[in-house]
Amino acid sequence: MNKRQANKIKKGLFYAILASTLWATVNSFIKQGLSYDFTPMNFSETRFATVGIILFAYTRYKGI
């Protein structure tokens, strides 16, 4: 295995751990968000819109 492949594996492992961590913390954020006067539909709309804006900004920044 050369150095380039090793870096790809490390980067992939980092992204896998990051995704797992974010996935594991979603329920606590949902419980906290629903404790305010949001309906589940309004809360999910806000979450998806926020993620969409972040992804759009990230892809524009990276030039993808």
PDB file of N, CA and C in Angstrom:
ATOM      1  N   MET A   1       0.856  -1.173   0.000  1.00  0.00           N
ATOM      2  CA  MET A   1       0.000   0.000   0.000  1.00  0.00           C
ATOM      3  C   MET A   1       0.903   1.236   0.000  1.00  0.00           C
ATOM      4  N   ASN A   2       0.617   2.136  -0.905  1.00  0.00           N
ATOM      5  CA  ASN A   2       1.440   3.343  -0.951  1.00  0.00           C
ATOM      6  C   ASN A   2       0.852   4.429  -0.044  1.00  0.00           C
ATOM      7  N   LYS A   3       1.552   5.544   0.019  1.00  0.00           N
ATOM      8  CA  LYS A   3       1.180   6.625   0.931  1.00  0.00           C
ATOM      9  C   LYS A   3      -0.169   7.246   0.561  1.00  0.00           C
ATOM     10  N   ARG A   4      -0.449   7.338  -0.731  1.00  0.00           N
ATOM     11  CA  ARG A   4      -1.705   7.941  -1.187  1.00  0.00           C
ATOM     12  C   ARG A   4      -2.907   7.091  -0.753  1.00  0.00           C
ATOM     13  N   GLN A   5      -2.784   5.785  -0.884  1.00  0.00           N
ATOM     14  CA  GLN A   5      -3.866   4.903  -0.469  1.00  0.00           C
ATOM     15  C   GLN A   5      -4.063   4.949   1.042  1.00  0.00           C
ATOM     16  N   ALA A   6      -2.980   5.035   1.785  1.00  0.00           N
ATOM     17  CA  ALA A   6      -3.078   5.118   3.240  1.00  0.00           C
ATOM     18  C   ALA A   6      -3.794   6.394   3.663  1.00  0.00           C
ATOM     19  N   ASN A   7      -3.508   7.506   2.978  1.00  0.00           N
ATOM     20  CA  ASN A   7      -4.191   8.767   3.296  1.00  0.00           C
ATOM     21  C   ASN A   7      -5.675   8.680   2.982  1.00  0.00           C
ATOM     22  N   LYS A   8      -6.035   8.014   1.881  1.00  0.00           N
ATOM     23  CA  LYS A   8      -7.451   7.849   1.540  1.00  0.00           C
ATOM     24  C   LYS A   8      -8.173   7.029   2.598  1.00  0.00           C
ATOM     25  N   ILE A   9      -7.516   5.983   3.078  1.00  0.00           N
ATOM     26  CA  ILE A   9      -8.134   5.143   4.102  1.00  0.00           C
ATOM     27  C   ILE A   9      -8.325   5.932   5.391  1.00  0.00           C
ATOM     28  N   LYS A  10      -7.327   6.705   5.793  1.00  0.00           N
ATOM     29  CA  LYS A  10      -7.441   7.520   7.007  1.00  0.00           C
ATOM     30  C   LYS A  10      -8.544   8.561   6.871  1.00  0.00           C
ATOM     31  N   LYS A  11      -8.630   9.180   5.698  1.00  0.00           N
ATOM     32  CA  LYS A  11      -9.663  10.181   5.465  1.00  0.00           C
ATOM     33  C   LYS A  11     -11.053   9.548   5.490  1.00  0.00           C
ATOM     34  N   GLY A  12     -11.178   8.379   4.877  1.00  0.00           N
ATOM     35  CA  GLY A  12     -12.450   7.668   4.884  1.00  0.00           C
ATOM     36  C   GLY A  12     -12.856   7.242   6.280  1.00  0.00           C
ATOM     37  N   LEU A  13     -11.893   6.795   7.064  1.00  0.00           N
ATOM     38  CA  LEU A  13     -12.172   6.402   8.442  1.00  0.00           C
ATOM     39  C   LEU A  13     -12.626   7.603   9.259  1.00  0.00           C
ATOM     40  N   PHE A  14     -11.978   8.734   9.061  1.00  0.00           N
ATOM     41  CA  PHE A  14     -12.379   9.961   9.762  1.00  0.00           C
ATOM     42  C   PHE A  14     -13.819  10.333   9.415  1.00  0.00           C
ATOM     43  N   TYR A  15     -14.166  10.292   8.131  1.00  0.00           N
ATOM     44  CA  TYR A  15     -15.532  10.634   7.721  1.00  0.00           C
ATOM     45  C   TYR A  15     -16.546   9.632   8.260  1.00  0.00           C
ATOM     46  N   ALA A  16     -16.184   8.368   8.328  1.00  0.00           N
ATOM     47  CA  ALA A  16     -17.091   7.355   8.876  1.00  0.00           C
ATOM     48  C   ALA A  16     -17.343   7.596  10.361  1.00  0.00           C
ATOM     49  N   ILE A  17     -16.295   7.926  11.102  1.00  0.00           N
ATOM     50  CA  ILE A  17     -16.455   8.206  12.534  1.00  0.00           C
ATOM     51  C   ILE A  17     -17.268   9.476  12.744  1.00  0.00           C
ATOM     52  N   LEU A  18     -17.011  10.492  11.933  1.00  0.00           N
ATOM     53  CA  LEU A  18     -17.769  11.738  12.032  1.00  0.00           C
ATOM     54  C   LEU A  18     -19.256  11.508  11.738  1.00  0.00           C
ATOM     55  N   ALA A  19     -19.560  10.759  10.691  1.00  0.00           N
ATOM     56  CA  ALA A  19     -20.956  10.471  10.350  1.00  0.00           C
ATOM     57  C   ALA A  19     -21.640   9.671  11.450  1.00  0.00           C
ATOM     58  N   SER A  20     -20.935   8.706  12.021  1.00  0.00           N
ATOM     59  CA  SER A  20     -21.508   7.905  13.105  1.00  0.00           C
ATOM     60  C   SER A  20     -21.792   8.759  14.329  1.00  0.00           C
ATOM     61  N   THR A  21     -20.884   9.662  14.639  1.00  0.00           N
ATOM     62  CA  THR A  21     -21.077  10.544  15.791  1.00  0.00           C
ATOM     63  C   THR A  21     -22.266  11.468  15.576  1.00  0.00           C
ATOM     64  N   LEU A  22     -22.358  12.047  14.389  1.00  0.00           N
ATOM     65  CA  LEU A  22     -23.490  12.922  14.103  1.00  0.00           C
ATOM     66  C   LEU A  22     -24.806  12.153  14.120  1.00  0.00           C
ATOM     67  N   TRP A  23     -24.795  10.949  13.594  1.00  0.00           N
ATOM     68  CA  TRP A  23     -26.005  10.126  13.568  1.00  0.00           C
ATOM     69  C   TRP A  23     -26.435   9.771  14.991  1.00  0.00           C
ATOM     70  N   ALA A  24     -25.484   9.522  15.871  1.00  0.00           N
ATOM     71  CA  ALA A  24     -25.795   9.127  17.242  1.00  0.00           C
ATOM     72  C   ALA A  24     -26.344  10.285  18.069  1.00  0.00           C
ATOM     73  N   THR A  25     -25.999  11.512  17.731  1.00  0.00           N
ATOM     74  CA  THR A  25     -26.440  12.652  18.538  1.00  0.00           C
ATOM     75  C   THR A  25     -27.747  13.278  18.047  1.00  0.00           C
ATOM     76  N   VAL A  26     -28.313  12.749  16.977  1.00  0.00           N
ATOM     77  CA  VAL A  26     -29.522  13.346  16.401  1.00  0.00           C
ATOM     78  C   VAL A  26     -30.692  13.304  17.376  1.00  0.00           C
ATOM     79  N   ASN A  27     -30.885  12.187  18.064  1.00  0.00           N
ATOM     80  CA  ASN A  27     -32.049  12.059  18.944  1.00  0.00           C
ATOM     81  C   ASN A  27     -32.055  13.086  20.059  1.00  0.00           C
ATOM     82  N   SER A  28     -30.913  13.389  20.621  1.00  0.00           N
ATOM     83  CA  SER A  28     -30.891  14.387  21.689  1.00  0.00           C
ATOM     84  C   SER A  28     -31.252  15.778  21.161  1.00  0.00           C
ATOM     85  N   PHE A  29     -30.807  16.096  19.945  1.00  0.00           N
ATOM     86  CA  PHE A  29     -31.173  17.378  19.353  1.00  0.00           C
ATOM     87  C   PHE A  29     -32.661  17.428  19.021  1.00  0.00           C
ATOM     88  N   ILE A  30     -33.214  16.322  18.559  1.00  0.00           N
ATOM     89  CA  ILE A  30     -34.643  16.284  18.247  1.00  0.00           C
ATOM     90  C   ILE A  30     -35.464  16.472  19.520  1.00  0.00           C
ATOM     91  N   LYS A  31     -35.105  15.766  20.577  1.00  0.00           N
ATOM     92  CA  LYS A  31     -35.844  15.914  21.839  1.00  0.00           C
ATOM     93  C   LYS A  31     -35.774  17.344  22.351  1.00  0.00           C
ATOM     94  N   GLN A  32     -34.597  17.935  22.271  1.00  0.00           N
ATOM     95  CA  GLN A  32     -34.445  19.312  22.729  1.00  0.00           C
ATOM     96  C   GLN A  32     -35.251  20.264  21.856  1.00  0.00           C
ATOM     97  N   GLY A  33     -35.210  20.078  20.546  1.00  0.00           N
ATOM     98  CA  GLY A  33     -35.929  20.956  19.634  1.00  0.00           C
ATOM     99  C   GLY A  33     -37.431  20.840  19.763  1.00  0.00           C
ATOM    100  N   LEU A  34     -37.925  19.634  20.022  1.00  0.00           N
ATOM    101  CA  LEU A  34     -39.368  19.452  20.156  1.00  0.00           C
ATOM    102  C   LEU A  34     -39.894  19.909  21.506  1.00  0.00           C
ATOM    103  N   SER A  35     -39.003  20.184  22.457  1.00  0.00           N
ATOM    104  CA  SER A  35     -39.461  20.698  23.745  1.00  0.00           C
ATOM    105  C   SER A  35     -39.953  22.144  23.611  1.00  0.00           C
ATOM    106  N   TYR A  36     -39.519  22.826  22.546  1.00  0.00           N
ATOM    107  CA  TYR A  36     -40.070  24.146  22.242  1.00  0.00           C
ATOM    108  C   TYR A  36     -41.380  23.938  21.494  1.00  0.00           C
ATOM    109  N   ASP A  37     -42.022  24.978  21.077  1.00  0.00           N
ATOM    110  CA  ASP A  37     -43.345  24.846  20.482  1.00  0.00           C
ATOM    111  C   ASP A  37     -43.306  24.523  18.990  1.00  0.00           C
ATOM    112  N   PHE A  38     -42.355  23.715  18.563  1.00  0.00           N
ATOM    113  CA  PHE A  38     -42.298  23.258  17.179  1.00  0.00           C
ATOM    114  C   PHE A  38     -43.154  22.015  17.023  1.00  0.00           C
ATOM    115  N   THR A  39     -43.830  21.917  15.905  1.00  0.00           N
ATOM    116  CA  THR A  39     -44.444  20.642  15.562  1.00  0.00           C
ATOM    117  C   THR A  39     -43.352  19.793  14.919  1.00  0.00           C
ATOM    118  N   PRO A  40     -43.507  18.482  14.909  1.00  0.00           N
ATOM    119  CA  PRO A  40     -42.467  17.647  14.296  1.00  0.00           C
ATOM    120  C   PRO A  40     -42.199  18.011  12.837  1.00  0.00           C
ATOM    121  N   MET A  41     -43.246  18.379  12.092  1.00  0.00           N
ATOM    122  CA  MET A  41     -43.059  18.730  10.683  1.00  0.00           C
ATOM    123  C   MET A  41     -42.268  20.028  10.541  1.00  0.00           C
ATOM    124  N   ASN A  42     -42.586  21.037  11.330  1.00  0.00           N
ATOM    125  CA  ASN A  42     -41.834  22.295  11.275  1.00  0.00           C
ATOM    126  C   ASN A  42     -40.381  22.094  11.682  1.00  0.00           C
ATOM    127  N   PHE A  43     -40.171  21.257  12.674  1.00  0.00           N
ATOM    128  CA  PHE A  43     -38.811  20.994  13.127  1.00  0.00           C
ATOM    129  C   PHE A  43     -38.007  20.291  12.042  1.00  0.00           C
ATOM    130  N   SER A  44     -38.599  19.306  11.382  1.00  0.00           N
ATOM    131  CA  SER A  44     -37.866  18.592  10.323  1.00  0.00           C
ATOM    132  C   SER A  44     -37.613  19.510   9.130  1.00  0.00           C
ATOM    133  N   GLU A  45     -38.553  20.367   8.797  1.00  0.00           N
ATOM    134  CA  GLU A  45     -38.337  21.324   7.703  1.00  0.00           C
ATOM    135  C   GLU A  45     -37.158  22.242   8.010  1.00  0.00           C
ATOM    136  N   THR A  46     -37.086  22.711   9.239  1.00  0.00           N
ATOM    137  CA  THR A  46     -35.983  23.590   9.638  1.00  0.00           C
ATOM    138  C   THR A  46     -34.649  22.859   9.568  1.00  0.00           C
ATOM    139  N   ARG A  47     -34.619  21.622  10.040  1.00  0.00           N
ATOM    140  CA  ARG A  47     -33.384  20.831  10.000  1.00  0.00           C
ATOM    141  C   ARG A  47     -32.921  20.593   8.574  1.00  0.00           C
ATOM    142  N   PHE A  48     -33.833  20.168   7.697  1.00  0.00           N
ATOM    143  CA  PHE A  48     -33.443  19.877   6.323  1.00  0.00           C
ATOM    144  C   PHE A  48     -33.053  21.136   5.556  1.00  0.00           C
ATOM    145  N   ALA A  49     -33.712  22.244   5.818  1.00  0.00           N
ATOM    146  CA  ALA A  49     -33.336  23.494   5.163  1.00  0.00           C
ATOM    147  C   ALA A  49     -31.947  23.941   5.615  1.00  0.00           C
ATOM    148  N   THR A  50     -31.668  23.805   6.901  1.00  0.00           N
ATOM    149  CA  THR A  50     -30.350  24.176   7.417  1.00  0.00           C
ATOM    150  C   THR A  50     -29.260  23.308   6.806  1.00  0.00           C
ATOM    151  N   VAL A  51     -29.484  22.016   6.764  1.00  0.00           N
ATOM    152  CA  VAL A  51     -28.498  21.105   6.174  1.00  0.00           C
ATOM    153  C   VAL A  51     -28.319  21.397   4.688  1.00  0.00           C
ATOM    154  N   GLY A  52     -29.403  21.700   3.989  1.00  0.00           N
ATOM    155  CA  GLY A  52     -29.308  22.034   2.571  1.00  0.00           C
ATOM    156  C   GLY A  52     -28.460  23.273   2.326  1.00  0.00           C
ATOM    157  N   ILE A  53     -28.646  24.280   3.149  1.00  0.00           N
ATOM    158  CA  ILE A  53     -27.856  25.506   3.016  1.00  0.00           C
ATOM    159  C   ILE A  53     -26.382  25.232   3.289  1.00  0.00           C
ATOM    160  N   ILE A  54     -26.110  24.434   4.328  1.00  0.00           N
ATOM    161  CA  ILE A  54     -24.721  24.094   4.651  1.00  0.00           C
ATOM    162  C   ILE A  54     -24.085  23.304   3.509  1.00  0.00           C
ATOM    163  N   LEU A  55     -24.792  22.315   2.969  1.00  0.00           N
ATOM    164  CA  LEU A  55     -24.244  21.524   1.865  1.00  0.00           C
ATOM    165  C   LEU A  55     -24.040  22.370   0.613  1.00  0.00           C
ATOM    166  N   PHE A  56     -24.956  23.262   0.337  1.00  0.00           N
ATOM    167  CA  PHE A  56     -24.811  24.139  -0.820  1.00  0.00           C
ATOM    168  C   PHE A  56     -23.570  25.025  -0.670  1.00  0.00           C
ATOM    169  N   ALA A  57     -23.409  25.599   0.516  1.00  0.00           N
ATOM    170  CA  ALA A  57     -22.235  26.450   0.752  1.00  0.00           C
ATOM    171  C   ALA A  57     -20.938  25.647   0.661  1.00  0.00           C
ATOM    172  N   TYR A  58     -20.953  24.439   1.183  1.00  0.00           N
ATOM    173  CA  TYR A  58     -19.755  23.580   1.139  1.00  0.00           C
ATOM    174  C   TYR A  58     -19.394  23.206  -0.286  1.00  0.00           C
ATOM    175  N   THR A  59     -20.374  22.836  -1.085  1.00  0.00           N
ATOM    176  CA  THR A  59     -20.066  22.450  -2.461  1.00  0.00           C
ATOM    177  C   THR A  59     -19.636  23.645  -3.302  1.00  0.00           C
ATOM    178  N   ARG A  60     -20.181  24.801  -3.033  1.00  0.00           N
ATOM    179  CA  ARG A  60     -19.735  26.001  -3.749  1.00  0.00           C
ATOM    180  C   ARG A  60     -18.310  26.360  -3.349  1.00  0.00           C
ATOM    181  N   TYR A  61     -17.993  26.209  -2.071  1.00  0.00           N
ATOM    182  CA  TYR A  61     -16.650  26.512  -1.577  1.00  0.00           C
ATOM    183  C   TYR A  61     -15.626  25.552  -2.161  1.00  0.00           C
ATOM    184  N   LYS A  62     -15.964  24.279  -2.233  1.00  0.00           N
ATOM    185  CA  LYS A  62     -15.039  23.263  -2.756  1.00  0.00           C
ATOM    186  C   LYS A  62     -15.005  23.254  -4.282  1.00  0.00           C
ATOM    187  N   GLY A  63     -15.972  23.880  -4.911  1.00  0.00           N
ATOM    188  CA  GLY A  63     -16.008  23.925  -6.369  1.00  0.00           C
ATOM    189  C   GLY A  63     -16.499  22.636  -7.000  1.00  0.00           C
ATOM    190  N   ILE A  64     -17.307  21.896  -6.260  1.00  0.00           N
ATOM    191  CA  ILE A  64     -17.825  20.619  -6.763  1.00  0.00           C
ATOM    192  C   ILE A  64     -19.038  20.889  -7.640  1.00  0.00           C
TER     193      ILE A  64
END
